């Protein structure tokens, strides 16, 4: 039984008791029953709104996941640091990789940032927090 059904049940019990609404007690019980009905309707509206927002947030999260995959995942045209199909140099370089990719830790957010060793830029941008990282300060 949901909250609205419980409020309706209590209101029905009150009517079944045939309380005299002209007495102080009858007025009080009627006011309480009306208040419970209003509160239950408000709670149902809030639950509906919350359900809608949860679904909307899930959709936004899924869309954001697609955007993140499009931006941060390496594909064949992503970089030209190596021709190894198994290399995922935009996400990570391991010891088995023979490409010239390097990693550093962002001083602001602590995330590991990967970059091509052949880059001619003096700075790289952290994809997590957009901090500029000077390449001259990095020990390769």
N, C-alpha and C. Protein backbone atom coordinates (compact mmCIF):
# COMPACT_ATOMS: atom_id res chain seq x y z
N UNK A 1 0.84 -1.17 0.00
CA UNK A 1 0.00 0.00 0.00
C UNK A 1 0.90 1.25 0.00
N UNK A 2 0.68 2.15 -0.99
CA UNK A 2 1.50 3.36 -1.01
C UNK A 2 0.89 4.42 -0.08
N UNK A 3 1.58 5.51 0.06
CA UNK A 3 1.18 6.55 1.01
C UNK A 3 -0.19 7.15 0.69
N UNK A 4 -0.51 7.28 -0.58
CA UNK A 4 -1.81 7.83 -0.99
C UNK A 4 -2.94 6.88 -0.61
N UNK A 5 -2.70 5.59 -0.81
CA UNK A 5 -3.71 4.59 -0.45
C UNK A 5 -3.92 4.55 1.06
N UNK A 6 -2.83 4.71 1.82
CA UNK A 6 -2.95 4.71 3.28
C UNK A 6 -3.75 5.92 3.76
N UNK A 7 -3.50 7.08 3.15
CA UNK A 7 -4.25 8.28 3.54
C UNK A 7 -5.73 8.10 3.20
N UNK A 8 -6.02 7.52 2.05
CA UNK A 8 -7.42 7.28 1.66
C UNK A 8 -8.07 6.27 2.61
N UNK A 9 -7.33 5.27 3.04
CA UNK A 9 -7.85 4.28 3.98
C UNK A 9 -8.22 4.95 5.30
N UNK A 10 -7.33 5.81 5.82
CA UNK A 10 -7.63 6.51 7.07
C UNK A 10 -8.85 7.42 6.94
N UNK A 11 -8.95 8.08 5.81
CA UNK A 11 -10.11 8.95 5.57
C UNK A 11 -11.39 8.11 5.52
N UNK A 12 -11.31 6.94 4.90
CA UNK A 12 -12.46 6.03 4.86
C UNK A 12 -12.83 5.52 6.24
N UNK A 13 -11.83 5.20 7.05
CA UNK A 13 -12.10 4.77 8.43
C UNK A 13 -12.84 5.86 9.20
N UNK A 14 -12.38 7.09 9.01
CA UNK A 14 -13.01 8.21 9.70
C UNK A 14 -14.47 8.36 9.29
N UNK A 15 -14.71 8.27 7.99
CA UNK A 15 -16.08 8.39 7.50
C UNK A 15 -16.93 7.22 7.99
N UNK A 16 -16.31 6.03 8.08
CA UNK A 16 -17.04 4.86 8.57
C UNK A 16 -17.41 4.98 10.03
N UNK A 17 -16.62 5.72 10.77
CA UNK A 17 -16.91 5.93 12.19
C UNK A 17 -18.01 6.96 12.38
N UNK A 18 -18.37 7.64 11.32
CA UNK A 18 -19.43 8.66 11.35
C UNK A 18 -19.20 9.68 12.46
N UNK A 19 -17.97 10.22 12.45
CA UNK A 19 -17.65 11.27 13.42
C UNK A 19 -18.43 12.52 13.09
N UNK A 20 -18.90 13.16 14.10
CA UNK A 20 -19.65 14.39 13.94
C UNK A 20 -18.65 15.52 13.67
N UNK A 21 -18.70 16.08 12.46
CA UNK A 21 -17.74 17.12 12.08
C UNK A 21 -18.06 18.47 12.69
N UNK A 22 -19.13 18.55 13.43
CA UNK A 22 -19.46 19.81 14.09
C UNK A 22 -18.79 19.90 15.45
N UNK A 23 -18.28 18.78 15.97
CA UNK A 23 -17.59 18.81 17.26
C UNK A 23 -16.12 19.18 17.03
N UNK A 24 -15.49 19.57 18.09
CA UNK A 24 -14.06 19.93 18.00
C UNK A 24 -13.22 18.73 17.55
N UNK A 25 -13.50 17.54 18.09
CA UNK A 25 -12.74 16.34 17.73
C UNK A 25 -12.98 15.98 16.27
N UNK A 26 -14.21 16.08 15.81
CA UNK A 26 -14.54 15.77 14.43
C UNK A 26 -13.84 16.71 13.46
N UNK A 27 -13.82 18.00 13.81
CA UNK A 27 -13.12 18.99 12.98
C UNK A 27 -11.62 18.68 12.92
N UNK A 28 -11.08 18.30 14.08
CA UNK A 28 -9.65 17.98 14.15
C UNK A 28 -9.31 16.77 13.28
N UNK A 29 -10.08 15.70 13.40
CA UNK A 29 -9.82 14.50 12.61
C UNK A 29 -10.00 14.75 11.12
N UNK A 30 -10.99 15.54 10.75
CA UNK A 30 -11.20 15.87 9.33
C UNK A 30 -10.02 16.67 8.80
N UNK A 31 -9.55 17.64 9.57
CA UNK A 31 -8.40 18.44 9.15
C UNK A 31 -7.14 17.58 9.01
N UNK A 32 -6.94 16.64 9.95
CA UNK A 32 -5.79 15.74 9.88
C UNK A 32 -5.87 14.86 8.64
N UNK A 33 -7.05 14.32 8.35
CA UNK A 33 -7.23 13.45 7.19
C UNK A 33 -6.99 14.23 5.90
N UNK A 34 -7.49 15.47 5.83
CA UNK A 34 -7.28 16.30 4.64
C UNK A 34 -5.79 16.62 4.47
N UNK A 35 -5.12 16.91 5.57
CA UNK A 35 -3.69 17.20 5.52
C UNK A 35 -2.90 15.98 5.05
N UNK A 36 -3.25 14.81 5.58
CA UNK A 36 -2.56 13.58 5.15
C UNK A 36 -2.77 13.32 3.66
N UNK A 37 -3.96 13.60 3.17
CA UNK A 37 -4.23 13.41 1.75
C UNK A 37 -3.38 14.36 0.90
N UNK A 38 -3.31 15.63 1.33
CA UNK A 38 -2.49 16.61 0.60
C UNK A 38 -1.01 16.22 0.62
N UNK A 39 -0.53 15.79 1.79
CA UNK A 39 0.88 15.40 1.90
C UNK A 39 1.16 14.19 1.02
N UNK A 40 0.24 13.22 1.02
CA UNK A 40 0.47 12.02 0.20
C UNK A 40 0.50 12.36 -1.28
N UNK A 41 -0.33 13.27 -1.73
CA UNK A 41 -0.31 13.69 -3.13
C UNK A 41 1.00 14.42 -3.47
N UNK A 42 1.46 15.24 -2.54
CA UNK A 42 2.74 15.94 -2.75
C UNK A 42 3.90 14.95 -2.83
N UNK A 43 3.88 13.94 -1.97
CA UNK A 43 4.94 12.94 -1.97
C UNK A 43 4.92 12.16 -3.29
N UNK A 44 3.74 11.82 -3.77
CA UNK A 44 3.65 11.12 -5.05
C UNK A 44 4.19 11.98 -6.19
N UNK A 45 3.89 13.28 -6.17
CA UNK A 45 4.44 14.17 -7.19
C UNK A 45 5.97 14.22 -7.11
N UNK A 46 6.50 14.28 -5.90
CA UNK A 46 7.96 14.30 -5.72
C UNK A 46 8.59 13.00 -6.22
N UNK A 47 7.95 11.88 -5.94
CA UNK A 47 8.48 10.59 -6.40
C UNK A 47 8.48 10.52 -7.93
N UNK A 48 7.41 11.03 -8.55
CA UNK A 48 7.36 11.06 -10.01
C UNK A 48 8.48 11.93 -10.58
N UNK A 49 8.67 13.10 -9.97
CA UNK A 49 9.73 14.00 -10.41
C UNK A 49 11.10 13.38 -10.24
N UNK A 50 11.30 12.69 -9.13
CA UNK A 50 12.59 12.05 -8.88
C UNK A 50 12.84 10.95 -9.91
N UNK A 51 11.83 10.17 -10.23
CA UNK A 51 11.98 9.11 -11.23
C UNK A 51 12.37 9.70 -12.58
N UNK A 52 11.69 10.79 -12.94
CA UNK A 52 12.01 11.46 -14.21
C UNK A 52 13.46 11.94 -14.21
N UNK A 53 13.89 12.58 -13.12
CA UNK A 53 15.25 13.10 -13.05
C UNK A 53 16.29 11.98 -13.06
N UNK A 54 15.99 10.86 -12.40
CA UNK A 54 16.92 9.72 -12.42
C UNK A 54 17.09 9.20 -13.84
N UNK A 55 16.00 9.07 -14.58
CA UNK A 55 16.09 8.61 -15.96
C UNK A 55 16.87 9.61 -16.82
N UNK A 56 16.61 10.90 -16.59
CA UNK A 56 17.29 11.94 -17.35
C UNK A 56 18.79 11.93 -17.06
N UNK A 57 19.16 11.76 -15.80
CA UNK A 57 20.57 11.72 -15.43
C UNK A 57 21.24 10.49 -16.04
N UNK A 58 20.54 9.36 -16.07
CA UNK A 58 21.10 8.16 -16.69
C UNK A 58 21.36 8.39 -18.18
N UNK A 59 20.43 9.09 -18.85
CA UNK A 59 20.62 9.40 -20.27
C UNK A 59 21.81 10.33 -20.46
N UNK A 60 21.93 11.35 -19.62
CA UNK A 60 23.06 12.28 -19.70
C UNK A 60 24.36 11.54 -19.45
N UNK A 61 24.36 10.64 -18.47
CA UNK A 61 25.56 9.87 -18.15
C UNK A 61 25.98 9.00 -19.34
N UNK A 62 25.00 8.38 -19.98
CA UNK A 62 25.32 7.55 -21.15
C UNK A 62 25.87 8.41 -22.29
N UNK A 63 25.25 9.58 -22.51
CA UNK A 63 25.73 10.48 -23.56
C UNK A 63 27.14 10.98 -23.25
N UNK A 64 27.38 11.31 -21.99
CA UNK A 64 28.71 11.78 -21.60
C UNK A 64 29.74 10.68 -21.77
N UNK A 65 29.36 9.44 -21.47
CA UNK A 65 30.27 8.31 -21.68
C UNK A 65 30.67 8.18 -23.13
N UNK A 66 29.71 8.38 -24.04
CA UNK A 66 30.02 8.32 -25.47
C UNK A 66 30.98 9.44 -25.87
N UNK A 67 30.74 10.63 -25.33
CA UNK A 67 31.62 11.77 -25.64
C UNK A 67 33.03 11.49 -25.11
N UNK A 68 33.12 10.98 -23.89
CA UNK A 68 34.44 10.67 -23.33
C UNK A 68 35.16 9.62 -24.17
N UNK A 69 34.42 8.59 -24.62
CA UNK A 69 35.06 7.58 -25.46
C UNK A 69 35.53 8.19 -26.77
N UNK A 70 34.72 9.08 -27.34
CA UNK A 70 35.11 9.71 -28.59
C UNK A 70 36.35 10.58 -28.42
N UNK A 71 36.45 11.26 -27.31
CA UNK A 71 37.56 12.19 -27.10
C UNK A 71 38.82 11.49 -26.61
N UNK A 72 38.71 10.60 -25.64
CA UNK A 72 39.88 10.08 -24.97
C UNK A 72 40.37 8.72 -25.47
N UNK A 73 39.54 7.98 -26.18
CA UNK A 73 40.02 6.68 -26.63
C UNK A 73 40.80 6.82 -27.92
N UNK A 74 41.82 6.01 -28.04
CA UNK A 74 42.68 6.04 -29.20
C UNK A 74 42.05 5.24 -30.33
N UNK A 75 42.06 5.80 -31.52
CA UNK A 75 41.68 5.02 -32.69
C UNK A 75 42.84 5.10 -33.68
N UNK A 76 42.70 4.52 -34.84
CA UNK A 76 43.82 4.43 -35.77
C UNK A 76 44.34 5.80 -36.21
N UNK A 77 43.48 6.80 -36.26
CA UNK A 77 43.89 8.12 -36.72
C UNK A 77 44.26 9.05 -35.58
N UNK A 78 44.24 8.54 -34.38
CA UNK A 78 44.41 9.39 -33.20
C UNK A 78 45.81 9.99 -33.11
N UNK A 79 46.80 9.18 -33.33
CA UNK A 79 48.17 9.70 -33.25
C UNK A 79 49.05 8.89 -34.19
N UNK A 80 50.18 9.42 -34.47
CA UNK A 80 51.08 8.73 -35.38
C UNK A 80 52.38 8.35 -34.69
N UNK A 81 52.31 8.12 -33.40
CA UNK A 81 53.54 7.81 -32.67
C UNK A 81 54.00 6.39 -32.91
N UNK A 82 53.08 5.52 -33.33
CA UNK A 82 53.48 4.16 -33.64
C UNK A 82 52.45 3.52 -34.56
N UNK A 83 52.87 2.48 -35.21
CA UNK A 83 51.97 1.77 -36.11
C UNK A 83 51.53 0.44 -35.52
N UNK A 84 51.78 0.25 -34.24
CA UNK A 84 51.42 -0.99 -33.58
C UNK A 84 49.93 -0.98 -33.26
N UNK A 85 49.18 -1.96 -33.84
CA UNK A 85 47.74 -2.01 -33.62
C UNK A 85 47.40 -2.31 -32.17
N UNK A 86 48.27 -2.98 -31.44
CA UNK A 86 48.01 -3.31 -30.05
C UNK A 86 48.31 -2.16 -29.11
N UNK A 87 49.00 -1.16 -29.59
CA UNK A 87 49.36 -0.01 -28.75
C UNK A 87 48.17 0.89 -28.57
N UNK A 88 47.91 1.24 -27.34
CA UNK A 88 46.82 2.16 -27.02
C UNK A 88 47.46 3.36 -26.33
N UNK A 89 48.29 4.05 -27.06
CA UNK A 89 49.16 5.05 -26.46
C UNK A 89 48.42 6.26 -25.90
N UNK A 90 47.21 6.48 -26.29
CA UNK A 90 46.48 7.61 -25.71
C UNK A 90 45.97 7.27 -24.32
N UNK A 91 45.78 5.99 -24.02
CA UNK A 91 45.27 5.62 -22.72
C UNK A 91 46.38 5.11 -21.80
N UNK A 92 47.27 4.37 -22.35
CA UNK A 92 48.35 3.86 -21.50
C UNK A 92 49.46 3.32 -22.36
N UNK A 93 50.63 3.33 -21.85
CA UNK A 93 51.76 2.67 -22.48
C UNK A 93 52.34 1.73 -21.45
N UNK A 94 52.54 0.51 -21.85
CA UNK A 94 53.15 -0.44 -20.94
C UNK A 94 54.57 -0.74 -21.43
N UNK A 95 55.23 -1.58 -20.70
CA UNK A 95 56.62 -1.89 -21.02
C UNK A 95 56.77 -2.63 -22.34
N UNK A 96 55.71 -3.29 -22.80
CA UNK A 96 55.77 -4.06 -24.03
C UNK A 96 55.62 -3.19 -25.27
N UNK A 97 55.22 -1.96 -25.08
CA UNK A 97 54.98 -1.07 -26.20
C UNK A 97 56.30 -0.49 -26.70
N UNK A 98 56.47 -0.45 -28.01
CA UNK A 98 57.72 0.06 -28.56
C UNK A 98 57.55 1.47 -29.13
N UNK A 99 56.48 2.13 -28.79
CA UNK A 99 56.28 3.49 -29.30
C UNK A 99 57.03 4.49 -28.42
N UNK A 100 57.11 5.71 -28.88
CA UNK A 100 57.82 6.75 -28.15
C UNK A 100 56.84 7.62 -27.36
N UNK A 101 55.97 6.98 -26.60
CA UNK A 101 55.02 7.71 -25.76
C UNK A 101 55.57 7.78 -24.34
N UNK A 102 55.27 8.87 -23.68
CA UNK A 102 55.71 9.05 -22.30
C UNK A 102 54.52 9.43 -21.45
N UNK A 103 54.67 9.23 -20.18
CA UNK A 103 53.60 9.57 -19.24
C UNK A 103 54.18 10.47 -18.16
N UNK A 104 53.32 11.33 -17.65
CA UNK A 104 53.68 12.16 -16.51
C UNK A 104 52.44 12.28 -15.64
N UNK A 105 52.63 12.74 -14.44
CA UNK A 105 51.50 12.93 -13.54
C UNK A 105 51.18 14.41 -13.48
N UNK A 106 49.92 14.73 -13.65
CA UNK A 106 49.50 16.13 -13.59
C UNK A 106 49.70 16.64 -12.17
N UNK A 107 50.38 17.77 -12.01
CA UNK A 107 50.63 18.30 -10.67
C UNK A 107 49.36 18.82 -9.99
N UNK A 108 48.32 19.09 -10.76
CA UNK A 108 47.09 19.64 -10.19
C UNK A 108 46.13 18.55 -9.73
N UNK A 109 45.81 17.61 -10.64
CA UNK A 109 44.79 16.61 -10.31
C UNK A 109 45.36 15.23 -10.01
N UNK A 110 46.64 15.00 -10.31
CA UNK A 110 47.26 13.72 -10.01
C UNK A 110 47.00 12.63 -11.04
N UNK A 111 46.29 12.95 -12.12
CA UNK A 111 46.02 11.97 -13.17
C UNK A 111 47.26 11.76 -14.03
N UNK A 112 47.42 10.55 -14.55
CA UNK A 112 48.53 10.25 -15.44
C UNK A 112 48.18 10.78 -16.83
N UNK A 113 49.09 11.53 -17.43
CA UNK A 113 48.89 12.13 -18.74
C UNK A 113 49.92 11.55 -19.70
N UNK A 114 49.47 11.07 -20.85
CA UNK A 114 50.34 10.46 -21.84
C UNK A 114 50.54 11.41 -23.01
N UNK A 115 51.75 11.39 -23.57
CA UNK A 115 52.03 12.26 -24.70
C UNK A 115 53.07 11.61 -25.59
N UNK A 116 53.09 12.04 -26.82
CA UNK A 116 54.03 11.54 -27.82
C UNK A 116 55.37 12.21 -27.58
N UNK A 117 56.42 11.43 -27.57
CA UNK A 117 57.75 11.96 -27.31
C UNK A 117 58.21 12.89 -28.43
N UNK A 118 57.64 12.73 -29.61
CA UNK A 118 58.04 13.55 -30.75
C UNK A 118 57.28 14.86 -30.84
N UNK A 119 56.49 15.16 -29.84
CA UNK A 119 55.70 16.39 -29.90
C UNK A 119 56.60 17.61 -29.91
N UNK A 120 56.21 18.59 -30.68
CA UNK A 120 56.99 19.81 -30.78
C UNK A 120 56.46 20.90 -29.86
N UNK A 121 55.37 20.61 -29.16
CA UNK A 121 54.79 21.59 -28.24
C UNK A 121 55.64 21.68 -26.98
N UNK A 122 55.65 22.86 -26.38
CA UNK A 122 56.37 23.05 -25.13
C UNK A 122 55.52 22.69 -23.93
N UNK A 123 54.21 22.63 -24.13
CA UNK A 123 53.29 22.29 -23.06
C UNK A 123 52.28 21.27 -23.56
N UNK A 124 51.79 20.48 -22.64
CA UNK A 124 50.67 19.59 -22.93
C UNK A 124 49.55 19.96 -21.98
N UNK A 125 48.33 19.62 -22.34
CA UNK A 125 47.16 19.95 -21.53
C UNK A 125 46.64 18.67 -20.89
N UNK A 126 46.43 18.70 -19.59
CA UNK A 126 45.86 17.56 -18.88
C UNK A 126 44.40 17.41 -19.32
N UNK A 127 44.00 16.24 -19.82
CA UNK A 127 42.62 16.06 -20.27
C UNK A 127 41.61 16.04 -19.12
N UNK A 128 42.09 15.84 -17.89
CA UNK A 128 41.17 15.79 -16.75
C UNK A 128 40.84 17.17 -16.20
N UNK A 129 41.87 18.01 -16.05
CA UNK A 129 41.62 19.30 -15.40
C UNK A 129 42.04 20.50 -16.24
N UNK A 130 42.53 20.26 -17.46
CA UNK A 130 42.94 21.31 -18.40
C UNK A 130 44.12 22.14 -17.92
N UNK A 131 44.93 21.60 -17.02
CA UNK A 131 46.13 22.29 -16.57
C UNK A 131 47.22 22.17 -17.63
N UNK A 132 47.92 23.27 -17.87
CA UNK A 132 49.06 23.22 -18.79
C UNK A 132 50.27 22.65 -18.05
N UNK A 133 50.92 21.66 -18.66
CA UNK A 133 52.09 21.02 -18.06
C UNK A 133 53.28 21.31 -18.97
N UNK A 134 54.27 21.95 -18.42
CA UNK A 134 55.47 22.31 -19.17
C UNK A 134 56.30 21.04 -19.41
N UNK A 135 56.64 20.76 -20.67
CA UNK A 135 57.41 19.57 -20.99
C UNK A 135 58.86 19.69 -20.54
N UNK A 136 59.34 20.90 -20.39
CA UNK A 136 60.73 21.09 -19.96
C UNK A 136 60.92 20.60 -18.54
N UNK A 137 59.84 20.61 -17.73
CA UNK A 137 59.94 20.21 -16.32
C UNK A 137 59.82 18.70 -16.13
N UNK A 138 59.60 17.97 -17.20
CA UNK A 138 59.35 16.53 -17.08
C UNK A 138 60.62 15.75 -17.34
N UNK A 139 60.90 14.83 -16.44
CA UNK A 139 62.05 13.92 -16.62
C UNK A 139 61.56 12.76 -17.44
N UNK A 140 62.09 12.58 -18.63
CA UNK A 140 61.65 11.49 -19.50
C UNK A 140 62.48 10.27 -19.28
